[in-house]
Amino acid sequence: MRFPTLNAWLDWQATLHPTEIELGLERCAQAAANMGILPLPCPVITVGGTNGKGSCVTLLDQIYQAAGYRTARYLSPHLLQFTERLCFNNVQQTEADWCHAFDQVDTLRGDISLTQFEFI
């Protein structure tokens, strides 16, 4: 594993790409293809807009869980700590979970340069 802590991963990711923002989805699509996660094996709901995204996503997550579905919820930005960004069935992922996931992304992305947002 390249880094032993979540903070070390996040600090490194901030320096990985020459610009903070780069428009287009080609690099992300290629990295996802390298990881073998396309097409996605489940429905995805994307909530956009200016205000209320976190509340809407959390409410949808609770509705689907109450209906018996397994859910994954990603929120950005986080409120208090980075690990709250991703929950599976309302269980927050640990720093170790994030480090493991980042290690897999780092390995499978190949030489594709990703912004920190894209890497996460």
PDB file of N, CA and C in Angstrom:
ATOM      1  N   MET A   1       0.862  -1.174   0.000  1.00  0.00           N
ATOM      2  CA  MET A   1       0.000   0.000   0.000  1.00  0.00           C
ATOM      3  C   MET A   1       0.908   1.236   0.000  1.00  0.00           C
ATOM      4  N   ARG A   2       0.538   2.191  -0.867  1.00  0.00           N
ATOM      5  CA  ARG A   2       1.367   3.388  -1.028  1.00  0.00           C
ATOM      6  C   ARG A   2       1.440   4.219   0.261  1.00  0.00           C
ATOM      7  N   PHE A   3       0.288   4.391   0.949  1.00  0.00           N
ATOM      8  CA  PHE A   3       0.257   5.214   2.166  1.00  0.00           C
ATOM      9  C   PHE A   3      -0.499   4.483   3.268  1.00  0.00           C
ATOM     10  N   PRO A   4      -0.076   4.652   4.521  1.00  0.00           N
ATOM     11  CA  PRO A   4      -0.697   3.919   5.628  1.00  0.00           C
ATOM     12  C   PRO A   4      -1.900   4.630   6.261  1.00  0.00           C
ATOM     13  N   THR A   5      -2.096   5.938   5.951  1.00  0.00           N
ATOM     14  CA  THR A   5      -3.181   6.682   6.599  1.00  0.00           C
ATOM     15  C   THR A   5      -4.046   7.394   5.566  1.00  0.00           C
ATOM     16  N   LEU A   6      -5.280   7.644   5.960  1.00  0.00           N
ATOM     17  CA  LEU A   6      -6.204   8.360   5.087  1.00  0.00           C
ATOM     18  C   LEU A   6      -5.686   9.758   4.777  1.00  0.00           C
ATOM     19  N   ASN A   7      -5.193  10.465   5.767  1.00  0.00           N
ATOM     20  CA  ASN A   7      -4.689  11.821   5.538  1.00  0.00           C
ATOM     21  C   ASN A   7      -3.526  11.840   4.556  1.00  0.00           C
ATOM     22  N   ALA A   8      -2.657  10.837   4.634  1.00  0.00           N
ATOM     23  CA  ALA A   8      -1.533  10.764   3.695  1.00  0.00           C
ATOM     24  C   ALA A   8      -2.050  10.549   2.266  1.00  0.00           C
ATOM     25  N   TRP A   9      -3.046   9.685   2.109  1.00  0.00           N
ATOM     26  CA  TRP A   9      -3.643   9.478   0.790  1.00  0.00           C
ATOM     27  C   TRP A   9      -4.232  10.788   0.256  1.00  0.00           C
ATOM     28  N   LEU A  10      -4.998  11.472   1.090  1.00  0.00           N
ATOM     29  CA  LEU A  10      -5.666  12.706   0.647  1.00  0.00           C
ATOM     30  C   LEU A  10      -4.647  13.790   0.307  1.00  0.00           C
ATOM     31  N   ASP A  11      -3.601  13.909   1.100  1.00  0.00           N
ATOM     32  CA  ASP A  11      -2.561  14.900   0.806  1.00  0.00           C
ATOM     33  C   ASP A  11      -1.896  14.601  -0.533  1.00  0.00           C
ATOM     34  N   TRP A  12      -1.589  13.337  -0.787  1.00  0.00           N
ATOM     35  CA  TRP A  12      -0.952  12.939  -2.055  1.00  0.00           C
ATOM     36  C   TRP A  12      -1.878  13.176  -3.238  1.00  0.00           C
ATOM     37  N   GLN A  13      -3.152  12.832  -3.074  1.00  0.00           N
ATOM     38  CA  GLN A  13      -4.113  13.017  -4.171  1.00  0.00           C
ATOM     39  C   GLN A  13      -4.204  14.478  -4.596  1.00  0.00           C
ATOM     40  N   ALA A  14      -4.045  15.377  -3.656  1.00  0.00           N
ATOM     41  CA  ALA A  14      -4.130  16.809  -3.969  1.00  0.00           C
ATOM     42  C   ALA A  14      -2.998  17.251  -4.894  1.00  0.00           C
ATOM     43  N   THR A  15      -1.927  16.460  -4.972  1.00  0.00           N
ATOM     44  CA  THR A  15      -0.779  16.819  -5.821  1.00  0.00           C
ATOM     45  C   THR A  15      -0.684  15.971  -7.088  1.00  0.00           C
ATOM     46  N   LEU A  16      -1.569  15.015  -7.246  1.00  0.00           N
ATOM     47  CA  LEU A  16      -1.451  14.015  -8.310  1.00  0.00           C
ATOM     48  C   LEU A  16      -1.687  14.585  -9.710  1.00  0.00           C
ATOM     49  N   HIS A  17      -2.626  15.496  -9.845  1.00  0.00           N
ATOM     50  CA  HIS A  17      -2.998  16.024 -11.160  1.00  0.00           C
ATOM     51  C   HIS A  17      -2.537  17.477 -11.264  1.00  0.00           C
ATOM     52  N   PRO A  18      -2.104  17.911 -12.436  1.00  0.00           N
ATOM     53  CA  PRO A  18      -1.560  19.274 -12.557  1.00  0.00           C
ATOM     54  C   PRO A  18      -2.582  20.387 -12.320  1.00  0.00           C
ATOM     55  N   THR A  19      -3.864  20.096 -12.476  1.00  0.00           N
ATOM     56  CA  THR A  19      -4.887  21.113 -12.212  1.00  0.00           C
ATOM     57  C   THR A  19      -5.915  20.553 -11.242  1.00  0.00           C
ATOM     58  N   GLU A  20      -6.546  21.427 -10.465  1.00  0.00           N
ATOM     59  CA  GLU A  20      -7.538  20.994  -9.490  1.00  0.00           C
ATOM     60  C   GLU A  20      -8.807  20.496 -10.171  1.00  0.00           C
ATOM     61  N   ILE A  21      -9.164  21.144 -11.287  1.00  0.00           N
ATOM     62  CA  ILE A  21     -10.371  20.787 -12.032  1.00  0.00           C
ATOM     63  C   ILE A  21      -9.989  20.588 -13.491  1.00  0.00           C
ATOM     64  N   GLU A  22     -10.475  19.500 -14.074  1.00  0.00           N
ATOM     65  CA  GLU A  22     -10.320  19.286 -15.512  1.00  0.00           C
ATOM     66  C   GLU A  22     -11.630  18.708 -16.032  1.00  0.00           C
ATOM     67  N   LEU A  23     -12.273  19.450 -16.898  1.00  0.00           N
ATOM     68  CA  LEU A  23     -13.576  19.038 -17.411  1.00  0.00           C
ATOM     69  C   LEU A  23     -13.435  17.832 -18.335  1.00  0.00           C
ATOM     70  N   GLY A  24     -14.514  17.089 -18.450  1.00  0.00           N
ATOM     71  CA  GLY A  24     -14.544  15.909 -19.310  1.00  0.00           C
ATOM     72  C   GLY A  24     -14.560  14.643 -18.476  1.00  0.00           C
ATOM     73  N   LEU A  25     -15.084  13.584 -19.059  1.00  0.00           N
ATOM     74  CA  LEU A  25     -15.210  12.321 -18.342  1.00  0.00           C
ATOM     75  C   LEU A  25     -14.340  11.209 -18.916  1.00  0.00           C
ATOM     76  N   GLU A  26     -13.544  11.534 -19.923  1.00  0.00           N
ATOM     77  CA  GLU A  26     -12.765  10.506 -20.605  1.00  0.00           C
ATOM     78  C   GLU A  26     -11.783   9.792 -19.662  1.00  0.00           C
ATOM     79  N   ARG A  27     -11.052  10.543 -18.847  1.00  0.00           N
ATOM     80  CA  ARG A  27     -10.072   9.930 -17.942  1.00  0.00           C
ATOM     81  C   ARG A  27     -10.763   9.065 -16.889  1.00  0.00           C
ATOM     82  N   CYS A  28     -11.869   9.565 -16.342  1.00  0.00           N
ATOM     83  CA  CYS A  28     -12.615   8.787 -15.342  1.00  0.00           C
ATOM     84  C   CYS A  28     -13.199   7.523 -15.963  1.00  0.00           C
ATOM     85  N   ALA A  29     -13.727   7.650 -17.169  1.00  0.00           N
ATOM     86  CA  ALA A  29     -14.303   6.480 -17.841  1.00  0.00           C
ATOM     87  C   ALA A  29     -13.235   5.429 -18.105  1.00  0.00           C
ATOM     88  N   GLN A  30     -12.059   5.864 -18.513  1.00  0.00           N
ATOM     89  CA  GLN A  30     -10.978   4.909 -18.768  1.00  0.00           C
ATOM     90  C   GLN A  30     -10.507   4.256 -17.473  1.00  0.00           C
ATOM     91  N   ALA A  31     -10.387   5.042 -16.403  1.00  0.00           N
ATOM     92  CA  ALA A  31      -9.982   4.480 -15.108  1.00  0.00           C
ATOM     93  C   ALA A  31     -11.033   3.481 -14.623  1.00  0.00           C
ATOM     94  N   ALA A  32     -12.307   3.813 -14.758  1.00  0.00           N
ATOM     95  CA  ALA A  32     -13.383   2.892 -14.348  1.00  0.00           C
ATOM     96  C   ALA A  32     -13.350   1.620 -15.179  1.00  0.00           C
ATOM     97  N   ALA A  33     -13.083   1.752 -16.475  1.00  0.00           N
ATOM     98  CA  ALA A  33     -12.968   0.569 -17.338  1.00  0.00           C
ATOM     99  C   ALA A  33     -11.783  -0.290 -16.888  1.00  0.00           C
ATOM    100  N   ASN A  34     -10.661   0.338 -16.544  1.00  0.00           N
ATOM    101  CA  ASN A  34      -9.495  -0.394 -16.042  1.00  0.00           C
ATOM    102  C   ASN A  34      -9.832  -1.166 -14.768  1.00  0.00           C
ATOM    103  N   MET A  35     -10.726  -0.602 -13.962  1.00  0.00           N
ATOM    104  CA  MET A  35     -11.107  -1.226 -12.698  1.00  0.00           C
ATOM    105  C   MET A  35     -12.173  -2.303 -12.882  1.00  0.00           C
ATOM    106  N   GLY A  36     -12.742  -2.373 -14.095  1.00  0.00           N
ATOM    107  CA  GLY A  36     -13.761  -3.384 -14.360  1.00  0.00           C
ATOM    108  C   GLY A  36     -15.098  -3.102 -13.704  1.00  0.00           C
ATOM    109  N   ILE A  37     -15.413  -1.821 -13.486  1.00  0.00           N
ATOM    110  CA  ILE A  37     -16.670  -1.487 -12.808  1.00  0.00           C
ATOM    111  C   ILE A  37     -17.725  -0.907 -13.748  1.00  0.00           C
ATOM    112  N   LEU A  38     -17.463  -0.984 -15.043  1.00  0.00           N
ATOM    113  CA  LEU A  38     -18.457  -0.516 -16.014  1.00  0.00           C
ATOM    114  C   LEU A  38     -18.961  -1.702 -16.819  1.00  0.00           C
ATOM    115  N   PRO A  39     -20.227  -1.765 -17.101  1.00  0.00           N
ATOM    116  CA  PRO A  39     -21.272  -0.875 -16.601  1.00  0.00           C
ATOM    117  C   PRO A  39     -21.542  -1.140 -15.119  1.00  0.00           C
ATOM    118  N   LEU A  40     -22.085  -0.128 -14.460  1.00  0.00           N
ATOM    119  CA  LEU A  40     -22.399  -0.283 -13.044  1.00  0.00           C
ATOM    120  C   LEU A  40     -23.467  -1.365 -12.885  1.00  0.00           C
ATOM    121  N   PRO A  41     -23.330  -2.220 -11.880  1.00  0.00           N
ATOM    122  CA  PRO A  41     -24.237  -3.356 -11.729  1.00  0.00           C
ATOM    123  C   PRO A  41     -25.537  -3.032 -10.997  1.00  0.00           C
ATOM    124  N   CYS A  42     -25.788  -1.749 -10.750  1.00  0.00           N
ATOM    125  CA  CYS A  42     -26.982  -1.383  -9.982  1.00  0.00           C
ATOM    126  C   CYS A  42     -27.473  -0.007 -10.422  1.00  0.00           C
ATOM    127  N   PRO A  43     -28.723   0.311 -10.099  1.00  0.00           N
ATOM    128  CA  PRO A  43     -29.216   1.658 -10.394  1.00  0.00           C
ATOM    129  C   PRO A  43     -28.488   2.708  -9.555  1.00  0.00           C
ATOM    130  N   VAL A  44     -28.323   3.887 -10.124  1.00  0.00           N
ATOM    131  CA  VAL A  44     -27.677   5.001  -9.437  1.00  0.00           C
ATOM    132  C   VAL A  44     -28.589   6.210  -9.526  1.00  0.00           C
ATOM    133  N   ILE A  45     -28.791   6.892  -8.411  1.00  0.00           N
ATOM    134  CA  ILE A  45     -29.557   8.142  -8.384  1.00  0.00           C
ATOM    135  C   ILE A  45     -28.562   9.258  -8.113  1.00  0.00           C
ATOM    136  N   THR A  46     -28.517  10.238  -8.998  1.00  0.00           N
ATOM    137  CA  THR A  46     -27.646  11.394  -8.824  1.00  0.00           C
ATOM    138  C   THR A  46     -28.504  12.594  -8.462  1.00  0.00           C
ATOM    139  N   VAL A  47     -28.148  13.276  -7.381  1.00  0.00           N
ATOM    140  CA  VAL A  47     -28.882  14.456  -6.937  1.00  0.00           C
ATOM    141  C   VAL A  47     -27.980  15.659  -7.154  1.00  0.00           C
ATOM    142  N   GLY A  48     -28.442  16.620  -7.948  1.00  0.00           N
ATOM    143  CA  GLY A  48     -27.669  17.821  -8.229  1.00  0.00           C
ATOM    144  C   GLY A  48     -28.426  19.062  -7.799  1.00  0.00           C
ATOM    145  N   GLY A  49     -27.760  20.184  -7.865  1.00  0.00           N
ATOM    146  CA  GLY A  49     -28.394  21.438  -7.504  1.00  0.00           C
ATOM    147  C   GLY A  49     -27.527  22.224  -6.546  1.00  0.00           C
ATOM    148  N   THR A  50     -28.075  23.309  -6.050  1.00  0.00           N
ATOM    149  CA  THR A  50     -27.316  24.208  -5.198  1.00  0.00           C
ATOM    150  C   THR A  50     -27.453  23.883  -3.721  1.00  0.00           C
ATOM    151  N   ASN A  51     -28.664  23.655  -3.269  1.00  0.00           N
ATOM    152  CA  ASN A  51     -28.901  23.433  -1.839  1.00  0.00           C
ATOM    153  C   ASN A  51     -29.725  22.175  -1.610  1.00  0.00           C
ATOM    154  N   GLY A  52     -29.489  21.518  -0.483  1.00  0.00           N
ATOM    155  CA  GLY A  52     -30.326  20.398  -0.060  1.00  0.00           C
ATOM    156  C   GLY A  52     -29.935  19.034  -0.588  1.00  0.00           C
ATOM    157  N   LYS A  53     -28.806  18.921  -1.287  1.00  0.00           N
ATOM    158  CA  LYS A  53     -28.418  17.622  -1.860  1.00  0.00           C
ATOM    159  C   LYS A  53     -28.191  16.580  -0.768  1.00  0.00           C
ATOM    160  N   GLY A  54     -27.485  16.940   0.275  1.00  0.00           N
ATOM    161  CA  GLY A  54     -27.197  15.983   1.344  1.00  0.00           C
ATOM    162  C   GLY A  54     -28.464  15.500   2.019  1.00  0.00           C
ATOM    163  N   SER A  55     -29.385  16.411   2.269  1.00  0.00           N
ATOM    164  CA  SER A  55     -30.655  16.027   2.897  1.00  0.00           C
ATOM    165  C   SER A  55     -31.464  15.122   1.987  1.00  0.00           C
ATOM    166  N   CYS A  56     -31.516  15.454   0.707  1.00  0.00           N
ATOM    167  CA  CYS A  56     -32.261  14.629  -0.252  1.00  0.00           C
ATOM    168  C   CYS A  56     -31.666  13.238  -0.371  1.00  0.00           C
ATOM    169  N   VAL A  57     -30.343  13.152  -0.476  1.00  0.00           N
ATOM    170  CA  VAL A  57     -29.685  11.850  -0.608  1.00  0.00           C
ATOM    171  C   VAL A  57     -29.897  11.017   0.658  1.00  0.00           C
ATOM    172  N   THR A  58     -29.780  11.631   1.821  1.00  0.00           N
ATOM    173  CA  THR A  58     -29.980  10.911   3.074  1.00  0.00           C
ATOM    174  C   THR A  58     -31.416  10.421   3.193  1.00  0.00           C
ATOM    175  N   LEU A  59     -32.367  11.236   2.800  1.00  0.00           N
ATOM    176  CA  LEU A  59     -33.775  10.834   2.841  1.00  0.00           C
ATOM    177  C   LEU A  59     -34.039   9.682   1.871  1.00  0.00           C
ATOM    178  N   LEU A  60     -33.529   9.787   0.642  1.00  0.00           N
ATOM    179  CA  LEU A  60     -33.685   8.695  -0.322  1.00  0.00           C
ATOM    180  C   LEU A  60     -33.056   7.407   0.200  1.00  0.00           C
ATOM    181  N   ASP A  61     -31.886   7.518   0.797  1.00  0.00           N
ATOM    182  CA  ASP A  61     -31.204   6.362   1.365  1.00  0.00           C
ATOM    183  C   ASP A  61     -32.088   5.680   2.405  1.00  0.00           C
ATOM    184  N   GLN A  62     -32.690   6.463   3.289  1.00  0.00           N
ATOM    185  CA  GLN A  62     -33.543   5.901   4.341  1.00  0.00           C
ATOM    186  C   GLN A  62     -34.812   5.277   3.759  1.00  0.00           C
ATOM    187  N   ILE A  63     -35.389   5.918   2.756  1.00  0.00           N
ATOM    188  CA  ILE A  63     -36.598   5.379   2.116  1.00  0.00           C
ATOM    189  C   ILE A  63     -36.296   4.026   1.478  1.00  0.00           C
ATOM    190  N   TYR A  64     -35.206   3.942   0.723  1.00  0.00           N
ATOM    191  CA  TYR A  64     -34.863   2.682   0.058  1.00  0.00           C
ATOM    192  C   TYR A  64     -34.501   1.593   1.064  1.00  0.00           C
ATOM    193  N   GLN A  65     -33.823   1.933   2.140  1.00  0.00           N
ATOM    194  CA  GLN A  65     -33.519   0.932   3.163  1.00  0.00           C
ATOM    195  C   GLN A  65     -34.796   0.425   3.823  1.00  0.00           C
ATOM    196  N   ALA A  66     -35.726   1.342   4.117  1.00  0.00           N
ATOM    197  CA  ALA A  66     -36.992   0.943   4.732  1.00  0.00           C
ATOM    198  C   ALA A  66     -37.797   0.025   3.804  1.00  0.00           C
ATOM    199  N   ALA A  67     -37.586   0.182   2.495  1.00  0.00           N
ATOM    200  CA  ALA A  67     -38.281  -0.668   1.516  1.00  0.00           C
ATOM    201  C   ALA A  67     -37.545  -1.988   1.291  1.00  0.00           C
ATOM    202  N   GLY A  68     -36.422  -2.188   1.994  1.00  0.00           N
ATOM    203  CA  GLY A  68     -35.720  -3.451   1.912  1.00  0.00           C
ATOM    204  C   GLY A  68     -34.550  -3.497   0.953  1.00  0.00           C
ATOM    205  N   TYR A  69     -34.183  -2.371   0.374  1.00  0.00           N
ATOM    206  CA  TYR A  69     -33.045  -2.333  -0.553  1.00  0.00           C
ATOM    207  C   TYR A  69     -31.742  -2.172   0.210  1.00  0.00           C
ATOM    208  N   ARG A  70     -30.665  -2.707  -0.362  1.00  0.00           N
ATOM    209  CA  ARG A  70     -29.322  -2.418   0.125  1.00  0.00           C
ATOM    210  C   ARG A  70     -28.892  -1.122  -0.554  1.00  0.00           C
ATOM    211  N   THR A  71     -28.269  -0.229   0.195  1.00  0.00           N
ATOM    212  CA  THR A  71     -27.943   1.088  -0.353  1.00  0.00           C
ATOM    213  C   THR A  71     -26.482   1.451  -0.125  1.00  0.00           C
ATOM    214  N   ALA A  72     -26.003   2.318  -0.993  1.00  0.00           N
ATOM    215  CA  ALA A  72     -24.715   2.976  -0.824  1.00  0.00           C
ATOM    216  C   ALA A  72     -24.984   4.464  -0.993  1.00  0.00           C
ATOM    217  N   ARG A  73     -24.442   5.259  -0.089  1.00  0.00           N
ATOM    218  CA  ARG A  73     -24.677   6.710  -0.123  1.00  0.00           C
ATOM    219  C   ARG A  73     -23.330   7.411  -0.105  1.00  0.00           C
ATOM    220  N   TYR A  74     -23.140   8.312  -1.063  1.00  0.00           N
ATOM    221  CA  TYR A  74     -21.921   9.123  -1.107  1.00  0.00           C
ATOM    222  C   TYR A  74     -22.323  10.588  -1.035  1.00  0.00           C
ATOM    223  N   LEU A  75     -21.721  11.313  -0.122  1.00  0.00           N
ATOM    224  CA  LEU A  75     -21.981  12.746   0.048  1.00  0.00           C
ATOM    225  C   LEU A  75     -20.668  13.513  -0.047  1.00  0.00           C
ATOM    226  N   SER A  76     -20.711  14.645  -0.707  1.00  0.00           N
ATOM    227  CA  SER A  76     -19.539  15.508  -0.778  1.00  0.00           C
ATOM    228  C   SER A  76     -20.016  16.949  -0.807  1.00  0.00           C
ATOM    229  N   PRO A  77     -19.441  17.771   0.045  1.00  0.00           N
ATOM    230  CA  PRO A  77     -18.365  17.497   0.995  1.00  0.00           C
ATOM    231  C   PRO A  77     -18.910  16.836   2.261  1.00  0.00           C
ATOM    232  N   HIS A  78     -18.004  16.398   3.102  1.00  0.00           N
ATOM    233  CA  HIS A  78     -18.396  15.847   4.397  1.00  0.00           C
ATOM    234  C   HIS A  78     -18.616  16.990   5.383  1.00  0.00           C
ATOM    235  N   LEU A  79     -19.296  16.695   6.488  1.00  0.00           N
ATOM    236  CA  LEU A  79     -19.557  17.730   7.491  1.00  0.00           C
ATOM    237  C   LEU A  79     -18.462  17.783   8.557  1.00  0.00           C
ATOM    238  N   LEU A  80     -18.152  16.649   9.179  1.00  0.00           N
ATOM    239  CA  LEU A  80     -17.203  16.642  10.283  1.00  0.00           C
ATOM    240  C   LEU A  80     -15.935  15.855   9.985  1.00  0.00           C
ATOM    241  N   GLN A  81     -16.078  14.678   9.405  1.00  0.00           N
ATOM    242  CA  GLN A  81     -14.901  13.863   9.098  1.00  0.00           C
ATOM    243  C   GLN A  81     -15.082  13.187   7.748  1.00  0.00           C
ATOM    244  N   PHE A  82     -13.976  12.971   7.068  1.00  0.00           N
ATOM    245  CA  PHE A  82     -13.995  12.451   5.708  1.00  0.00           C
ATOM    246  C   PHE A  82     -14.750  11.128   5.594  1.00  0.00           C
ATOM    247  N   THR A  83     -14.632  10.269   6.589  1.00  0.00           N
ATOM    248  CA  THR A  83     -15.223   8.935   6.507  1.00  0.00           C
ATOM    249  C   THR A  83     -16.740   8.945   6.410  1.00  0.00           C
ATOM    250  N   GLU A  84     -17.378  10.047   6.754  1.00  0.00           N
ATOM    251  CA  GLU A  84     -18.842  10.095   6.663  1.00  0.00           C
ATOM    252  C   GLU A  84     -19.333  10.228   5.217  1.00  0.00           C
ATOM    253  N   ARG A  85     -18.431  10.443   4.285  1.00  0.00           N
ATOM    254  CA  ARG A  85     -18.833  10.596   2.887  1.00  0.00           C
ATOM    255  C   ARG A  85     -19.487   9.353   2.315  1.00  0.00           C
ATOM    256  N   LEU A  86     -19.044   8.166   2.726  1.00  0.00           N
ATOM    257  CA  LEU A  86     -19.532   6.931   2.118  1.00  0.00           C
ATOM    258  C   LEU A  86     -20.103   6.005   3.178  1.00  0.00           C
ATOM    259  N   CYS A  87     -21.351   5.592   2.962  1.00  0.00           N
ATOM    260  CA  CYS A  87     -22.014   4.644   3.854  1.00  0.00           C
ATOM    261  C   CYS A  87     -22.644   3.539   3.019  1.00  0.00           C
ATOM    262  N   PHE A  88     -22.510   2.321   3.492  1.00  0.00           N
ATOM    263  CA  PHE A  88     -23.212   1.174   2.924  1.00  0.00           C
ATOM    264  C   PHE A  88     -24.240   0.739   3.947  1.00  0.00           C
ATOM    265  N   ASN A  89     -25.518   0.766   3.542  1.00  0.00           N
ATOM    266  CA  ASN A  89     -26.611   0.437   4.465  1.00  0.00           C
ATOM    267  C   ASN A  89     -26.481   1.213   5.771  1.00  0.00           C
ATOM    268  N   ASN A  90     -26.173   2.501   5.626  1.00  0.00           N
ATOM    269  CA  ASN A  90     -26.078   3.453   6.732  1.00  0.00           C
ATOM    270  C   ASN A  90     -24.893   3.198   7.664  1.00  0.00           C
ATOM    271  N   VAL A  91     -23.924   2.405   7.233  1.00  0.00           N
ATOM    272  CA  VAL A  91     -22.720   2.163   8.024  1.00  0.00           C
ATOM    273  C   VAL A  91     -21.570   2.923   7.363  1.00  0.00           C
ATOM    274  N   GLN A  92     -21.005   3.853   8.126  1.00  0.00           N
ATOM    275  CA  GLN A  92     -19.888   4.663   7.640  1.00  0.00           C
ATOM    276  C   GLN A  92     -18.661   3.793   7.395  1.00  0.00           C
ATOM    277  N   GLN A  93     -17.950   4.070   6.325  1.00  0.00           N
ATOM    278  CA  GLN A  93     -16.729   3.336   6.040  1.00  0.00           C
ATOM    279  C   GLN A  93     -15.592   3.872   6.903  1.00  0.00           C
ATOM    280  N   THR A  94     -14.706   2.989   7.304  1.00  0.00           N
ATOM    281  CA  THR A  94     -13.603   3.368   8.189  1.00  0.00           C
ATOM    282  C   THR A  94     -12.446   3.954   7.381  1.00  0.00           C
ATOM    283  N   GLU A  95     -11.492   4.544   8.080  1.00  0.00           N
ATOM    284  CA  GLU A  95     -10.288   5.037   7.408  1.00  0.00           C
ATOM    285  C   GLU A  95      -9.563   3.891   6.715  1.00  0.00           C
ATOM    286  N   ALA A  96      -9.534   2.723   7.346  1.00  0.00           N
ATOM    287  CA  ALA A  96      -8.885   1.557   6.724  1.00  0.00           C
ATOM    288  C   ALA A  96      -9.612   1.153   5.438  1.00  0.00           C
ATOM    289  N   ASP A  97     -10.947   1.217   5.441  1.00  0.00           N
ATOM    290  CA  ASP A  97     -11.719   0.918   4.226  1.00  0.00           C
ATOM    291  C   ASP A  97     -11.339   1.872   3.099  1.00  0.00           C
ATOM    292  N   TRP A  98     -11.253   3.160   3.429  1.00  0.00           N
ATOM    293  CA  TRP A  98     -10.888   4.161   2.427  1.00  0.00           C
ATOM    294  C   TRP A  98      -9.471   3.912   1.905  1.00  0.00           C
ATOM    295  N   CYS A  99      -8.533   3.616   2.811  1.00  0.00           N
ATOM    296  CA  CYS A  99      -7.149   3.359   2.379  1.00  0.00           C
ATOM    297  C   CYS A  99      -7.096   2.166   1.437  1.00  0.00           C
ATOM    298  N   HIS A 100      -7.834   1.116   1.748  1.00  0.00           N
ATOM    299  CA  HIS A 100      -7.872  -0.067   0.883  1.00  0.00           C
ATOM    300  C   HIS A 100      -8.449   0.297  -0.489  1.00  0.00           C
ATOM    301  N   ALA A 101      -9.541   1.046  -0.497  1.00  0.00           N
ATOM    302  CA  ALA A 101     -10.165   1.454  -1.766  1.00  0.00           C
ATOM    303  C   ALA A 101      -9.212   2.335  -2.573  1.00  0.00           C
ATOM    304  N   PHE A 102      -8.561   3.294  -1.919  1.00  0.00           N
ATOM    305  CA  PHE A 102      -7.614   4.169  -2.623  1.00  0.00           C
ATOM    306  C   PHE A 102      -6.451   3.368  -3.190  1.00  0.00           C
ATOM    307  N   ASP A 103      -5.999   2.350  -2.466  1.00  0.00           N
ATOM    308  CA  ASP A 103      -4.915   1.514  -2.963  1.00  0.00           C
ATOM    309  C   ASP A 103      -5.345   0.784  -4.239  1.00  0.00           C
ATOM    310  N   GLN A 104      -6.571   0.301  -4.265  1.00  0.00           N
ATOM    311  CA  GLN A 104      -7.075  -0.383  -5.460  1.00  0.00           C
ATOM    312  C   GLN A 104      -7.199   0.588  -6.632  1.00  0.00           C
ATOM    313  N   VAL A 105      -7.741   1.783  -6.381  1.00  0.00           N
ATOM    314  CA  VAL A 105      -7.850   2.777  -7.447  1.00  0.00           C
ATOM    315  C   VAL A 105      -6.458   3.115  -7.974  1.00  0.00           C
ATOM    316  N   ASP A 106      -5.514   3.328  -7.074  1.00  0.00           N
ATOM    317  CA  ASP A 106      -4.155   3.688  -7.472  1.00  0.00           C
ATOM    318  C   ASP A 106      -3.539   2.600  -8.348  1.00  0.00           C
ATOM    319  N   THR A 107      -3.732   1.359  -7.973  1.00  0.00           N
ATOM    320  CA  THR A 107      -3.169   0.244  -8.730  1.00  0.00           C
ATOM    321  C   THR A 107      -3.822   0.098 -10.100  1.00  0.00           C
ATOM    322  N   LEU A 108      -5.153   0.174 -10.138  1.00  0.00           N
ATOM    323  CA  LEU A 108      -5.892  -0.139 -11.364  1.00  0.00           C
ATOM    324  C   LEU A 108      -6.047   1.024 -12.334  1.00  0.00           C
ATOM    325  N   ARG A 109      -5.798   2.254 -11.876  1.00  0.00           N
ATOM    326  CA  ARG A 109      -5.949   3.386 -12.789  1.00  0.00           C
ATOM    327  C   ARG A 109      -4.833   3.421 -13.825  1.00  0.00           C
ATOM    328  N   GLY A 110      -3.765   2.699 -13.579  1.00  0.00           N
ATOM    329  CA  GLY A 110      -2.635   2.706 -14.505  1.00  0.00           C
ATOM    330  C   GLY A 110      -1.928   4.044 -14.453  1.00  0.00           C
ATOM    331  N   ASP A 111      -1.624   4.601 -15.620  1.00  0.00           N
ATOM    332  CA  ASP A 111      -0.924   5.889 -15.662  1.00  0.00           C
ATOM    333  C   ASP A 111      -1.890   7.061 -15.866  1.00  0.00           C
ATOM    334  N   ILE A 112      -3.173   6.829 -15.650  1.00  0.00           N
ATOM    335  CA  ILE A 112      -4.176   7.888 -15.822  1.00  0.00           C
ATOM    336  C   ILE A 112      -4.081   8.861 -14.652  1.00  0.00           C
ATOM    337  N   SER A 113      -3.900  10.124 -14.972  1.00  0.00           N
ATOM    338  CA  SER A 113      -3.822  11.165 -13.959  1.00  0.00           C
ATOM    339  C   SER A 113      -5.248  11.601 -13.591  1.00  0.00           C
ATOM    340  N   LEU A 114      -5.568  11.534 -12.313  1.00  0.00           N
ATOM    341  CA  LEU A 114      -6.896  11.917 -11.839  1.00  0.00           C
ATOM    342  C   LEU A 114      -6.780  13.087 -10.868  1.00  0.00           C
ATOM    343  N   THR A 115      -7.768  13.983 -10.900  1.00  0.00           N
ATOM    344  CA  THR A 115      -7.828  15.024  -9.875  1.00  0.00           C
ATOM    345  C   THR A 115      -8.187  14.354  -8.550  1.00  0.00           C
ATOM    346  N   GLN A 116      -8.040  15.085  -7.464  1.00  0.00           N
ATOM    347  CA  GLN A 116      -8.402  14.515  -6.161  1.00  0.00           C
ATOM    348  C   GLN A 116      -9.873  14.138  -6.128  1.00  0.00           C
ATOM    349  N   PHE A 117     -10.727  14.997  -6.663  1.00  0.00           N
ATOM    350  CA  PHE A 117     -12.169  14.704  -6.693  1.00  0.00           C
ATOM    351  C   PHE A 117     -12.431  13.428  -7.472  1.00  0.00           C
ATOM    352  N   GLU A 118     -11.785  13.256  -8.614  1.00  0.00           N
ATOM    353  CA  GLU A 118     -11.977  12.065  -9.432  1.00  0.00           C
ATOM    354  C   GLU A 118     -11.442  10.824  -8.726  1.00  0.00           C
ATOM    355  N   PHE A 119     -10.306  10.940  -8.082  1.00  0.00           N
ATOM    356  CA  PHE A 119      -9.706   9.808  -7.374  1.00  0.00           C
ATOM    357  C   PHE A 119     -10.623   9.336  -6.266  1.00  0.00           C
ATOM    358  N   ILE A 120     -11.171  10.270  -5.510  1.00  0.00           N
ATOM    359  CA  ILE A 120     -12.082   9.930  -4.422  1.00  0.00           C
ATOM    360  C   ILE A 120     -13.342   9.298  -4.981  1.00  0.00           C
TER     361      ILE A 120
END
